[in-house]
Amino acid sequence: MTLFSLPRREYAYLFAILIIAIGGTITVSKIVSPKLIGLLPGIDCTTNYGFINPAPDCESYEAKAEKLENLEEMLSVRVLALEKSAAIKSISIFARDLTTLRWVGVNESILYTPASLLKLPLIVTIYKFAEIYPDILTKKILYDKPIDLSNQGFFVPPSQKIELGQSYSVEELIERVSIYSDNEAAALLSMVIDPSFQNAVYVDLGISLPRENEQFSNYITAKSYASILRALYNSSYLSREYSEKALELLAQSNFKDGIVAGVPRGIQVSHKFGERGVKDAEGNITSVSFHDCGIVYSNKQPYSICIMTIGNDFATQRQIIADLSKLVYENIY
């Protein structure tokens, strides 16, 4: 089953979603006076969801240009100073107020290797398929063959992993990928969906996967990855049910460093981190890619944030992301 073999109605639906989710910087607030927002017929301004807001334009629109310009200047100065250190090669940051849609960025268009950040698009792919065939979530998968991940360097091993010889439902695997970032669970999930369907969803999300022999190349930016989070928050790609479920699971991530460490205790953060260590011929790690991207449910207004780094010291990069997260939290509003 591929995207192109779907019934015409389903294909048209997916194509429409592509236009809305990926090209979706055009919103009601940009073509209608903000004073009219919430008064237009057919717009439902009520929501009972905890992690999504399907109708963000019902919120009051605030002019925040000066505030965000100041934040962007602070971030630029901080990033420039950090990149002068021997431990850091590159830093990118992108943050968007999910109510007004205004954003700030520093090096937001630099390409990086996503590493485990790709687990979120994988989850989105499964849920997109489940919108057509819901039974996929209860399908059981047997973990009967060890998966070799020895060529990758990890600094945050999952606290819980799937066990060889055990069967897991697709829904259980999604939970383990979201909460524990279990690589074996992600590998099993990737076998569930036809590659052509998965590739079509990735294209919808703005991800151009490299060739097999270029799997560790740089091909995603902080800004483009943040657009996936925004599509979930607005439920403009997945249904409200699955958008809410995906962000709810990401809020249960047991990784509490990075972005989470930069905000006050008790603030919910739906996020996904990604890490990868590059090894030389002797097995020594020579370069570290470490990223963290998510939605911070601030007491004021939610915002998305994506920070990507390349360096040679995981602990340093982890602390840098926490510090930049704190800077954004304290100055975005």
C-alpha atoms as a PDB file:
ATOM      1  CA  MET A   1       0.000   0.000   0.000  1.00  0.00           C
ATOM      2  CA  THR A   2       1.528   3.304  -1.016  1.00  0.00           C
ATOM      3  CA  LEU A   3       0.382   6.881  -1.017  1.00  0.00           C
ATOM      4  CA  PHE A   4      -0.179   6.714  -4.734  1.00  0.00           C
ATOM      5  CA  SER A   5      -2.372   3.609  -4.532  1.00  0.00           C
ATOM      6  CA  LEU A   6      -4.791   5.230  -2.075  1.00  0.00           C
ATOM      7  CA  PRO A   7      -8.366   5.968  -3.212  1.00  0.00           C
ATOM      8  CA  ARG A   8      -8.638   9.348  -4.909  1.00  0.00           C
ATOM      9  CA  ARG A   9     -10.488  10.876  -1.962  1.00  0.00           C
ATOM     10  CA  GLU A  10      -7.756   9.823   0.494  1.00  0.00           C
ATOM     11  CA  TYR A  11      -5.015  11.015  -1.847  1.00  0.00           C
ATOM     12  CA  ALA A  12      -6.705  14.383  -2.238  1.00  0.00           C
ATOM     13  CA  TYR A  13      -6.977  14.585   1.522  1.00  0.00           C
ATOM     14  CA  LEU A  14      -3.267  13.965   1.978  1.00  0.00           C
ATOM     15  CA  PHE A  15      -2.403  16.436  -0.761  1.00  0.00           C
ATOM     16  CA  ALA A  16      -4.528  19.113   0.886  1.00  0.00           C
ATOM     17  CA  ILE A  17      -2.814  18.402   4.182  1.00  0.00           C
ATOM     18  CA  LEU A  18       0.556  18.895   2.493  1.00  0.00           C
ATOM     19  CA  ILE A  19      -0.465  22.356   1.318  1.00  0.00           C
ATOM     20  CA  ILE A  20      -1.737  23.352   4.752  1.00  0.00           C
ATOM     21  CA  ALA A  21       0.987  21.822   6.927  1.00  0.00           C
ATOM     22  CA  ILE A  22       4.129  22.522   4.962  1.00  0.00           C
ATOM     23  CA  GLY A  23       3.221  25.724   3.204  1.00  0.00           C
ATOM     24  CA  GLY A  24       1.233  26.729   6.215  1.00  0.00           C
ATOM     25  CA  THR A  25       2.772  30.063   7.106  1.00  0.00           C
ATOM     26  CA  ILE A  26      -0.393  31.627   5.660  1.00  0.00           C
ATOM     27  CA  THR A  27      -2.954  31.886   8.442  1.00  0.00           C
ATOM     28  CA  VAL A  28      -6.276  33.589   8.966  1.00  0.00           C
ATOM     29  CA  SER A  29      -4.581  36.294  11.016  1.00  0.00           C
ATOM     30  CA  LYS A  30      -2.617  37.398   7.950  1.00  0.00           C
ATOM     31  CA  ILE A  31      -5.585  37.895   5.657  1.00  0.00           C
ATOM     32  CA  VAL A  32      -8.292  38.968   8.100  1.00  0.00           C
ATOM     33  CA  SER A  33      -8.205  41.796  10.615  1.00  0.00           C
ATOM     34  CA  PRO A  34      -7.219  40.413  14.010  1.00  0.00           C
ATOM     35  CA  LYS A  35     -10.291  42.098  15.499  1.00  0.00           C
ATOM     36  CA  LEU A  36     -12.489  39.734  13.482  1.00  0.00           C
ATOM     37  CA  ILE A  37     -10.773  36.567  14.644  1.00  0.00           C
ATOM     38  CA  GLY A  38     -13.197  34.398  16.571  1.00  0.00           C
ATOM     39  CA  LEU A  39     -16.203  36.105  14.971  1.00  0.00           C
ATOM     40  CA  LEU A  40     -15.953  34.390  11.607  1.00  0.00           C
ATOM     41  CA  PRO A  41     -18.629  31.765  10.847  1.00  0.00           C
ATOM     42  CA  GLY A  42     -17.423  28.172  10.885  1.00  0.00           C
ATOM     43  CA  ILE A  43     -14.436  28.761  13.201  1.00  0.00           C
ATOM     44  CA  ASP A  44     -14.605  26.677  16.365  1.00  0.00           C
ATOM     45  CA  CYS A  45     -12.716  28.522  19.079  1.00  0.00           C
ATOM     46  CA  THR A  46     -13.260  25.927  21.793  1.00  0.00           C
ATOM     47  CA  THR A  47     -10.799  23.172  22.638  1.00  0.00           C
ATOM     48  CA  ASN A  48     -10.733  20.378  25.174  1.00  0.00           C
ATOM     49  CA  TYR A  49      -7.226  19.272  24.317  1.00  0.00           C
ATOM     50  CA  GLY A  50      -4.196  19.610  26.563  1.00  0.00           C
ATOM     51  CA  PHE A  51      -1.352  19.562  24.041  1.00  0.00           C
ATOM     52  CA  ILE A  52      -2.784  20.931  20.763  1.00  0.00           C
ATOM     53  CA  ASN A  53      -4.657  24.006  19.583  1.00  0.00           C
ATOM     54  CA  PRO A  54      -6.402  23.376  16.263  1.00  0.00           C
ATOM     55  CA  ALA A  55      -7.541  27.023  16.043  1.00  0.00           C
ATOM     56  CA  PRO A  56      -4.598  29.203  17.129  1.00  0.00           C
ATOM     57  CA  ASP A  57      -6.024  32.267  15.417  1.00  0.00           C
ATOM     58  CA  CYS A  58      -8.786  32.453  17.997  1.00  0.00           C
ATOM     59  CA  GLU A  59      -6.164  33.730  20.427  1.00  0.00           C
ATOM     60  CA  SER A  60      -5.540  37.461  20.755  1.00  0.00           C
ATOM     61  CA  TYR A  61      -2.815  38.655  18.374  1.00  0.00           C
ATOM     62  CA  GLU A  62      -0.088  40.687  20.084  1.00  0.00           C
ATOM     63  CA  ALA A  63       2.518  42.832  18.396  1.00  0.00           C
ATOM     64  CA  LYS A  64       5.754  41.386  19.711  1.00  0.00           C
ATOM     65  CA  ALA A  65       8.308  42.436  17.117  1.00  0.00           C
ATOM     66  CA  GLU A  66      10.461  44.557  19.442  1.00  0.00           C
ATOM     67  CA  LYS A  67      10.481  41.908  22.186  1.00  0.00           C
ATOM     68  CA  LEU A  68      11.580  39.177  19.793  1.00  0.00           C
ATOM     69  CA  GLU A  69      14.161  41.377  18.126  1.00  0.00           C
ATOM     70  CA  ASN A  70      15.788  41.851  21.516  1.00  0.00           C
ATOM     71  CA  LEU A  71      15.707  38.094  22.120  1.00  0.00           C
ATOM     72  CA  GLU A  72      17.236  37.391  18.716  1.00  0.00           C
ATOM     73  CA  GLU A  73      20.056  39.828  19.443  1.00  0.00           C
ATOM     74  CA  MET A  74      20.745  38.132  22.792  1.00  0.00           C
ATOM     75  CA  LEU A  75      20.776  34.712  21.132  1.00  0.00           C
ATOM     76  CA  SER A  76      23.089  35.901  18.354  1.00  0.00           C
ATOM     77  CA  VAL A  77      25.611  37.279  20.851  1.00  0.00           C
ATOM     78  CA  ARG A  78      25.472  34.102  22.942  1.00  0.00           C
ATOM     79  CA  VAL A  79      25.836  31.740  19.963  1.00  0.00           C
ATOM     80  CA  LEU A  80      28.709  33.747  18.496  1.00  0.00           C
ATOM     81  CA  ALA A  81      30.585  33.529  21.790  1.00  0.00           C
ATOM     82  CA  LEU A  82      29.921  29.811  22.176  1.00  0.00           C
ATOM     83  CA  GLU A  83      31.099  28.994  18.660  1.00  0.00           C
ATOM     84  CA  LYS A  84      34.476  30.507  19.471  1.00  0.00           C
ATOM     85  CA  SER A  85      35.121  27.757  22.012  1.00  0.00           C
ATOM     86  CA  ALA A  86      37.055  24.640  21.037  1.00  0.00           C
ATOM     87  CA  ALA A  87      34.223  22.329  22.109  1.00  0.00           C
ATOM     88  CA  ILE A  88      31.615  23.744  19.709  1.00  0.00           C
ATOM     89  CA  LYS A  89      31.601  23.706  15.922  1.00  0.00           C
ATOM     90  CA  SER A  90      28.048  24.818  15.168  1.00  0.00           C
ATOM     91  CA  ILE A  91      24.872  25.929  16.958  1.00  0.00           C
ATOM     92  CA  SER A  92      21.458  26.663  15.502  1.00  0.00           C
ATOM     93  CA  ILE A  93      18.324  27.785  17.305  1.00  0.00           C
ATOM     94  CA  PHE A  94      14.768  28.486  16.201  1.00  0.00           C
ATOM     95  CA  ALA A  95      11.852  29.512  18.433  1.00  0.00           C
ATOM     96  CA  ARG A  96       8.273  30.371  17.469  1.00  0.00           C
ATOM     97  CA  ASP A  97       5.462  31.822  19.534  1.00  0.00           C
ATOM     98  CA  LEU A  98       2.657  29.408  18.623  1.00  0.00           C
ATOM     99  CA  THR A  99      -0.049  32.010  19.215  1.00  0.00           C
ATOM    100  CA  THR A 100       1.171  34.983  17.176  1.00  0.00           C
ATOM    101  CA  LEU A 101       3.400  32.791  14.966  1.00  0.00           C
ATOM    102  CA  ARG A 102       6.262  35.303  15.237  1.00  0.00           C
ATOM    103  CA  TRP A 103       9.661  33.645  15.425  1.00  0.00           C
ATOM    104  CA  VAL A 104      13.342  34.192  16.077  1.00  0.00           C
ATOM    105  CA  GLY A 105      16.298  32.258  14.737  1.00  0.00           C
ATOM    106  CA  VAL A 106      20.064  32.107  14.684  1.00  0.00           C
ATOM    107  CA  ASN A 107      21.677  29.896  12.028  1.00  0.00           C
ATOM    108  CA  GLU A 108      18.228  28.315  11.696  1.00  0.00           C
ATOM    109  CA  SER A 109      18.837  27.162   8.103  1.00  0.00           C
ATOM    110  CA  ILE A 110      22.095  25.246   8.692  1.00  0.00           C
ATOM    111  CA  LEU A 111      21.782  21.542   7.861  1.00  0.00           C
ATOM    112  CA  TYR A 112      22.394  18.828  10.464  1.00  0.00           C
ATOM    113  CA  THR A 113      22.205  15.071  10.822  1.00  0.00           C
ATOM    114  CA  PRO A 114      18.900  14.522  12.668  1.00  0.00           C
ATOM    115  CA  ALA A 115      19.864  11.271  14.438  1.00  0.00           C
ATOM    116  CA  SER A 116      17.036  10.273  16.814  1.00  0.00           C
ATOM    117  CA  LEU A 117      15.007  13.340  15.869  1.00  0.00           C
ATOM    118  CA  LEU A 118      13.769  11.171  12.975  1.00  0.00           C
ATOM    119  CA  LYS A 119      11.781   9.102  15.458  1.00  0.00           C
ATOM    120  CA  LEU A 120       9.093  11.776  15.563  1.00  0.00           C
ATOM    121  CA  PRO A 121       8.463  11.759  11.779  1.00  0.00           C
ATOM    122  CA  LEU A 122       8.361   7.959  12.045  1.00  0.00           C
ATOM    123  CA  ILE A 123       5.626   8.209  14.690  1.00  0.00           C
ATOM    124  CA  VAL A 124       3.755  10.723  12.540  1.00  0.00           C
ATOM    125  CA  THR A 125       3.952   8.256   9.638  1.00  0.00           C
ATOM    126  CA  ILE A 126       2.430   5.452  11.721  1.00  0.00           C
ATOM    127  CA  TYR A 127      -0.385   7.675  12.942  1.00  0.00           C
ATOM    128  CA  LYS A 128      -1.050   8.938   9.408  1.00  0.00           C
ATOM    129  CA  PHE A 129      -1.434   5.337   8.268  1.00  0.00           C
ATOM    130  CA  ALA A 130      -3.657   4.635  11.295  1.00  0.00           C
ATOM    131  CA  GLU A 131      -6.059   7.340  10.142  1.00  0.00           C
ATOM    132  CA  ILE A 132      -6.803   5.073   7.168  1.00  0.00           C
ATOM    133  CA  TYR A 133      -6.264   1.679   8.841  1.00  0.00           C
ATOM    134  CA  PRO A 134      -6.707   2.044  12.640  1.00  0.00           C
ATOM    135  CA  ASP A 135      -6.063  -1.670  13.222  1.00  0.00           C
ATOM    136  CA  ILE A 136      -2.362  -1.092  12.525  1.00  0.00           C
ATOM    137  CA  LEU A 137      -1.918   0.125  16.117  1.00  0.00           C
ATOM    138  CA  THR A 138      -2.935  -3.212  17.618  1.00  0.00           C
ATOM    139  CA  LYS A 139      -0.786  -5.251  15.247  1.00  0.00           C
ATOM    140  CA  LYS A 140       1.767  -7.353  17.160  1.00  0.00           C
ATOM    141  CA  ILE A 141       5.429  -7.375  16.097  1.00  0.00           C
ATOM    142  CA  LEU A 142       7.838 -10.087  17.252  1.00  0.00           C
ATOM    143  CA  TYR A 143      11.352  -8.914  18.137  1.00  0.00           C
ATOM    144  CA  ASP A 144      13.098 -12.071  16.998  1.00  0.00           C
ATOM    145  CA  LYS A 145      16.428 -10.816  15.642  1.00  0.00           C
ATOM    146  CA  PRO A 146      18.978  -8.544  17.373  1.00  0.00           C
ATOM    147  CA  ILE A 147      19.544  -5.192  15.703  1.00  0.00           C
ATOM    148  CA  ASP A 148      23.182  -4.125  15.362  1.00  0.00           C
ATOM    149  CA  LEU A 149      23.669  -0.498  16.437  1.00  0.00           C
ATOM    150  CA  SER A 150      27.373  -0.809  17.244  1.00  0.00           C
ATOM    151  CA  ASN A 151      28.381   1.686  14.560  1.00  0.00           C
ATOM    152  CA  GLN A 152      26.674   4.519  16.406  1.00  0.00           C
ATOM    153  CA  GLY A 153      27.866   6.331  19.511  1.00  0.00           C
ATOM    154  CA  PHE A 154      25.223   6.959  22.183  1.00  0.00           C
ATOM    155  CA  PHE A 155      25.451   9.125  25.283  1.00  0.00           C
ATOM    156  CA  VAL A 156      21.880   8.665  26.521  1.00  0.00           C
ATOM    157  CA  PRO A 157      21.037   4.937  26.370  1.00  0.00           C
ATOM    158  CA  PRO A 158      17.331   4.133  26.835  1.00  0.00           C
ATOM    159  CA  SER A 159      16.421   3.272  30.427  1.00  0.00           C
ATOM    160  CA  GLN A 160      14.043   0.635  29.086  1.00  0.00           C
ATOM    161  CA  LYS A 161      14.510  -1.465  25.951  1.00  0.00           C
ATOM    162  CA  ILE A 162      12.400  -4.047  24.187  1.00  0.00           C
ATOM    163  CA  GLU A 163      13.411  -7.636  24.864  1.00  0.00           C
ATOM    164  CA  LEU A 164      14.439 -10.249  22.333  1.00  0.00           C
ATOM    165  CA  GLY A 165      11.786 -12.925  21.832  1.00  0.00           C
ATOM    166  CA  GLN A 166       8.921 -10.689  22.978  1.00  0.00           C
ATOM    167  CA  SER A 167       6.031  -9.370  20.911  1.00  0.00           C
ATOM    168  CA  TYR A 168       4.855  -5.765  21.082  1.00  0.00           C
ATOM    169  CA  SER A 169       1.894  -3.954  19.600  1.00  0.00           C
ATOM    170  CA  VAL A 170       2.636  -1.021  17.304  1.00  0.00           C
ATOM    171  CA  GLU A 171       1.088   1.262  19.906  1.00  0.00           C
ATOM    172  CA  GLU A 172       3.440  -0.078  22.587  1.00  0.00           C
ATOM    173  CA  LEU A 173       6.420   0.469  20.302  1.00  0.00           C
ATOM    174  CA  ILE A 174       5.350   4.080  19.689  1.00  0.00           C
ATOM    175  CA  GLU A 175       5.214   4.648  23.440  1.00  0.00           C
ATOM    176  CA  ARG A 176       8.707   3.196  23.948  1.00  0.00           C
ATOM    177  CA  VAL A 177      10.122   5.301  21.132  1.00  0.00           C
ATOM    178  CA  SER A 178       8.501   8.469  22.478  1.00  0.00           C
ATOM    179  CA  ILE A 179       9.273   8.016  26.164  1.00  0.00           C
ATOM    180  CA  TYR A 180      12.581   6.096  26.182  1.00  0.00           C
ATOM    181  CA  SER A 181      13.905   6.826  22.672  1.00  0.00           C
ATOM    182  CA  ASP A 182      14.419   3.080  22.245  1.00  0.00           C
ATOM    183  CA  ASN A 183      16.330   2.506  19.008  1.00  0.00           C
ATOM    184  CA  GLU A 184      15.365  -1.165  18.701  1.00  0.00           C
ATOM    185  CA  ALA A 185      11.683  -0.232  19.047  1.00  0.00           C
ATOM    186  CA  ALA A 186      12.134   2.419  16.353  1.00  0.00           C
ATOM    187  CA  ALA A 187      13.779  -0.141  14.057  1.00  0.00           C
ATOM    188  CA  LEU A 188      10.779  -2.452  14.436  1.00  0.00           C
ATOM    189  CA  LEU A 189       8.361   0.397  13.771  1.00  0.00           C
ATOM    190  CA  SER A 190      10.164   1.276  10.551  1.00  0.00           C
ATOM    191  CA  MET A 191       9.391  -2.235   9.271  1.00  0.00           C
ATOM    192  CA  VAL A 192       5.642  -1.808   9.742  1.00  0.00           C
ATOM    193  CA  ILE A 193       4.954   0.718   6.987  1.00  0.00           C
ATOM    194  CA  ASP A 194       5.671   0.410   3.285  1.00  0.00           C
ATOM    195  CA  PRO A 195       8.760   2.536   2.489  1.00  0.00           C
ATOM    196  CA  SER A 196       6.981   4.398  -0.293  1.00  0.00           C
ATOM    197  CA  PHE A 197       4.238   5.527   2.111  1.00  0.00           C
ATOM    198  CA  GLN A 198       6.831   6.530   4.697  1.00  0.00           C
ATOM    199  CA  ASN A 199       8.845   8.494   2.129  1.00  0.00           C
ATOM    200  CA  ALA A 200       5.681  10.277   0.944  1.00  0.00           C
ATOM    201  CA  VAL A 201       4.902  11.392   4.510  1.00  0.00           C
ATOM    202  CA  TYR A 202       8.487  12.530   5.026  1.00  0.00           C
ATOM    203  CA  VAL A 203       8.254  14.632   1.878  1.00  0.00           C
ATOM    204  CA  ASP A 204       5.013  16.113   3.226  1.00  0.00           C
ATOM    205  CA  LEU A 205       6.883  17.038   6.393  1.00  0.00           C
ATOM    206  CA  GLY A 206       9.698  18.668   4.451  1.00  0.00           C
ATOM    207  CA  ILE A 207      12.257  15.913   5.002  1.00  0.00           C
ATOM    208  CA  SER A 208      14.333  14.746   2.043  1.00  0.00           C
ATOM    209  CA  LEU A 209      15.905  11.484   3.124  1.00  0.00           C
ATOM    210  CA  PRO A 210      19.447  10.868   1.847  1.00  0.00           C
ATOM    211  CA  ARG A 211      20.508   7.803  -0.073  1.00  0.00           C
ATOM    212  CA  GLU A 212      21.401   4.699   1.901  1.00  0.00           C
ATOM    213  CA  ASN A 213      25.141   5.307   1.621  1.00  0.00           C
ATOM    214  CA  GLU A 214      24.606   8.900   2.796  1.00  0.00           C
ATOM    215  CA  GLN A 215      22.460   8.137   5.848  1.00  0.00           C
ATOM    216  CA  PHE A 216      24.644  10.215   8.176  1.00  0.00           C
ATOM    217  CA  SER A 217      24.710  13.276   5.942  1.00  0.00           C
ATOM    218  CA  ASN A 218      23.264  16.645   6.997  1.00  0.00           C
ATOM    219  CA  TYR A 219      19.749  17.191   5.695  1.00  0.00           C
ATOM    220  CA  ILE A 220      17.513  18.856   8.288  1.00  0.00           C
ATOM    221  CA  THR A 221      17.413  22.325   9.842  1.00  0.00           C
ATOM    222  CA  ALA A 222      16.156  23.657  13.156  1.00  0.00           C
ATOM    223  CA  LYS A 223      13.521  25.685  11.346  1.00  0.00           C
ATOM    224  CA  SER A 224      12.225  22.820   9.194  1.00  0.00           C
ATOM    225  CA  TYR A 225      12.032  20.441  12.156  1.00  0.00           C
ATOM    226  CA  ALA A 226      10.129  23.021  14.188  1.00  0.00           C
ATOM    227  CA  SER A 227       7.511  23.090  11.424  1.00  0.00           C
ATOM    228  CA  ILE A 228       6.689  19.446  12.241  1.00  0.00           C
ATOM    229  CA  LEU A 229       6.021  20.415  15.851  1.00  0.00           C
ATOM    230  CA  ARG A 230       3.843  23.289  14.695  1.00  0.00           C
ATOM    231  CA  ALA A 231       1.856  20.970  12.415  1.00  0.00           C
ATOM    232  CA  LEU A 232       1.195  18.709  15.412  1.00  0.00           C
ATOM    233  CA  TYR A 233       0.249  21.615  17.657  1.00  0.00           C
ATOM    234  CA  ASN A 234      -2.223  22.943  15.088  1.00  0.00           C
ATOM    235  CA  SER A 235      -3.310  19.382  14.162  1.00  0.00           C
ATOM    236  CA  SER A 236      -2.952  20.438  10.534  1.00  0.00           C
ATOM    237  CA  TYR A 237      -1.390  17.180   9.351  1.00  0.00           C
ATOM    238  CA  LEU A 238      -2.683  14.468  11.665  1.00  0.00           C
ATOM    239  CA  SER A 239      -6.161  14.314  13.135  1.00  0.00           C
ATOM    240  CA  ARG A 240      -6.748  16.018  16.466  1.00  0.00           C
ATOM    241  CA  GLU A 241      -6.778  12.648  18.203  1.00  0.00           C
ATOM    242  CA  TYR A 242      -3.387  11.560  16.900  1.00  0.00           C
ATOM    243  CA  SER A 243      -1.787  14.999  17.155  1.00  0.00           C
ATOM    244  CA  GLU A 244      -2.795  15.146  20.804  1.00  0.00           C
ATOM    245  CA  LYS A 245      -1.566  11.602  21.416  1.00  0.00           C
ATOM    246  CA  ALA A 246       1.825  12.232  19.828  1.00  0.00           C
ATOM    247  CA  LEU A 247       2.495  15.371  21.874  1.00  0.00           C
ATOM    248  CA  GLU A 248       1.148  13.762  25.041  1.00  0.00           C
ATOM    249  CA  LEU A 249       3.645  10.912  24.672  1.00  0.00           C
ATOM    250  CA  LEU A 250       6.528  13.283  23.950  1.00  0.00           C
ATOM    251  CA  ALA A 251       5.653  15.127  27.170  1.00  0.00           C
ATOM    252  CA  GLN A 252       6.375  11.862  29.023  1.00  0.00           C
ATOM    253  CA  SER A 253       9.952  11.640  27.701  1.00  0.00           C
ATOM    254  CA  ASN A 254      12.264  10.583  30.506  1.00  0.00           C
ATOM    255  CA  PHE A 255      15.075  12.789  29.162  1.00  0.00           C
ATOM    256  CA  LYS A 256      15.021  15.774  31.504  1.00  0.00           C
ATOM    257  CA  ASP A 257      18.161  17.582  30.353  1.00  0.00           C
ATOM    258  CA  GLY A 258      18.431  19.936  27.389  1.00  0.00           C
ATOM    259  CA  ILE A 259      15.327  22.062  26.819  1.00  0.00           C
ATOM    260  CA  VAL A 260      13.536  20.742  29.913  1.00  0.00           C
ATOM    261  CA  ALA A 261      16.446  21.726  32.181  1.00  0.00           C
ATOM    262  CA  GLY A 262      16.148  25.307  30.966  1.00  0.00           C
ATOM    263  CA  VAL A 263      12.562  25.894  32.068  1.00  0.00           C
ATOM    264  CA  PRO A 264      11.089  25.991  35.587  1.00  0.00           C
ATOM    265  CA  ARG A 265      10.104  22.724  37.207  1.00  0.00           C
ATOM    266  CA  GLY A 266       6.485  21.835  36.481  1.00  0.00           C
ATOM    267  CA  ILE A 267       6.356  23.402  32.999  1.00  0.00           C
ATOM    268  CA  GLN A 268       5.310  20.717  30.524  1.00  0.00           C
ATOM    269  CA  VAL A 269       7.554  20.155  27.523  1.00  0.00           C
ATOM    270  CA  SER A 270       6.737  17.822  24.625  1.00  0.00           C
ATOM    271  CA  HIS A 271      10.124  17.180  23.083  1.00  0.00           C
ATOM    272  CA  LYS A 272      12.434  14.824  21.227  1.00  0.00           C
ATOM    273  CA  PHE A 273      16.204  14.826  21.459  1.00  0.00           C
ATOM    274  CA  GLY A 274      18.669  13.409  18.967  1.00  0.00           C
ATOM    275  CA  GLU A 275      22.300  12.380  19.436  1.00  0.00           C
ATOM    276  CA  ARG A 276      25.024  10.790  17.389  1.00  0.00           C
ATOM    277  CA  GLY A 277      28.725  10.315  17.898  1.00  0.00           C
ATOM    278  CA  VAL A 278      31.039   9.961  14.890  1.00  0.00           C
ATOM    279  CA  LYS A 279      33.796   7.394  15.438  1.00  0.00           C
ATOM    280  CA  ASP A 280      37.210   7.130  13.828  1.00  0.00           C
ATOM    281  CA  ALA A 281      38.865   3.887  12.687  1.00  0.00           C
ATOM    282  CA  GLU A 282      39.963   3.132  16.263  1.00  0.00           C
ATOM    283  CA  GLY A 283      36.439   3.570  17.627  1.00  0.00           C
ATOM    284  CA  ASN A 284      37.088   6.944  19.251  1.00  0.00           C
ATOM    285  CA  ILE A 285      34.307   9.527  19.035  1.00  0.00           C
ATOM    286  CA  THR A 286      35.579  12.546  17.130  1.00  0.00           C
ATOM    287  CA  SER A 287      32.381  14.560  16.679  1.00  0.00           C
ATOM    288  CA  VAL A 288      29.105  14.817  18.567  1.00  0.00           C
ATOM    289  CA  SER A 289      25.744  15.878  17.158  1.00  0.00           C
ATOM    290  CA  PHE A 290      23.258  16.657  19.898  1.00  0.00           C
ATOM    291  CA  HIS A 291      19.873  18.304  19.358  1.00  0.00           C
ATOM    292  CA  ASP A 292      16.670  18.902  21.297  1.00  0.00           C
ATOM    293  CA  CYS A 293      13.401  20.193  19.847  1.00  0.00           C
ATOM    294  CA  GLY A 294       9.979  20.554  21.384  1.00  0.00           C
ATOM    295  CA  ILE A 295       7.010  22.609  22.510  1.00  0.00           C
ATOM    296  CA  VAL A 296       7.191  24.437  25.838  1.00  0.00           C
ATOM    297  CA  TYR A 297       3.754  24.874  27.396  1.00  0.00           C
ATOM    298  CA  SER A 298       4.579  28.116  29.155  1.00  0.00           C
ATOM    299  CA  ASN A 299       2.147  29.543  31.686  1.00  0.00           C
ATOM    300  CA  LYS A 300       1.842  32.525  29.361  1.00  0.00           C
ATOM    301  CA  GLN A 301       1.693  31.041  25.873  1.00  0.00           C
ATOM    302  CA  PRO A 302       3.183  27.900  24.283  1.00  0.00           C
ATOM    303  CA  TYR A 303       6.148  28.158  21.975  1.00  0.00           C
ATOM    304  CA  SER A 304       8.177  25.733  19.879  1.00  0.00           C
ATOM    305  CA  ILE A 305      11.935  25.623  20.173  1.00  0.00           C
ATOM    306  CA  CYS A 306      14.593  23.660  18.316  1.00  0.00           C
ATOM    307  CA  ILE A 307      18.298  23.752  19.167  1.00  0.00           C
ATOM    308  CA  MET A 308      20.884  21.827  17.147  1.00  0.00           C
ATOM    309  CA  THR A 309      24.590  21.525  17.935  1.00  0.00           C
ATOM    310  CA  ILE A 310      27.778  19.938  16.632  1.00  0.00           C
ATOM    311  CA  GLY A 311      30.820  19.728  18.884  1.00  0.00           C
ATOM    312  CA  ASN A 312      33.121  17.271  20.560  1.00  0.00           C
ATOM    313  CA  ASP A 313      31.781  17.144  24.121  1.00  0.00           C
ATOM    314  CA  PHE A 314      28.295  15.853  24.882  1.00  0.00           C
ATOM    315  CA  ALA A 315      28.148  17.265  28.426  1.00  0.00           C
ATOM    316  CA  THR A 316      29.061  20.737  27.183  1.00  0.00           C
ATOM    317  CA  GLN A 317      26.478  20.623  24.382  1.00  0.00           C
ATOM    318  CA  ARG A 318      23.792  19.373  26.750  1.00  0.00           C
ATOM    319  CA  GLN A 319      24.439  22.319  29.070  1.00  0.00           C
ATOM    320  CA  ILE A 320      24.495  24.790  26.173  1.00  0.00           C
ATOM    321  CA  ILE A 321      21.040  23.643  25.075  1.00  0.00           C
ATOM    322  CA  ALA A 322      19.747  24.035  28.645  1.00  0.00           C
ATOM    323  CA  ASP A 323      21.226  27.547  28.879  1.00  0.00           C
ATOM    324  CA  LEU A 324      19.772  28.641  25.523  1.00  0.00           C
ATOM    325  CA  SER A 325      16.413  27.134  26.496  1.00  0.00           C
ATOM    326  CA  LYS A 326      16.444  29.209  29.679  1.00  0.00           C
ATOM    327  CA  LEU A 327      17.338  32.361  27.754  1.00  0.00           C
ATOM    328  CA  VAL A 328      14.403  31.861  25.404  1.00  0.00           C
ATOM    329  CA  TYR A 329      11.958  31.026  28.200  1.00  0.00           C
ATOM    330  CA  GLU A 330      12.879  34.173  30.144  1.00  0.00           C
ATOM    331  CA  ASN A 331      12.742  36.550  27.192  1.00  0.00           C
ATOM    332  CA  ILE A 332      10.227  35.332  24.609  1.00  0.00           C
ATOM    333  CA  TYR A 333       7.334  36.998  26.501  1.00  0.00           C
END
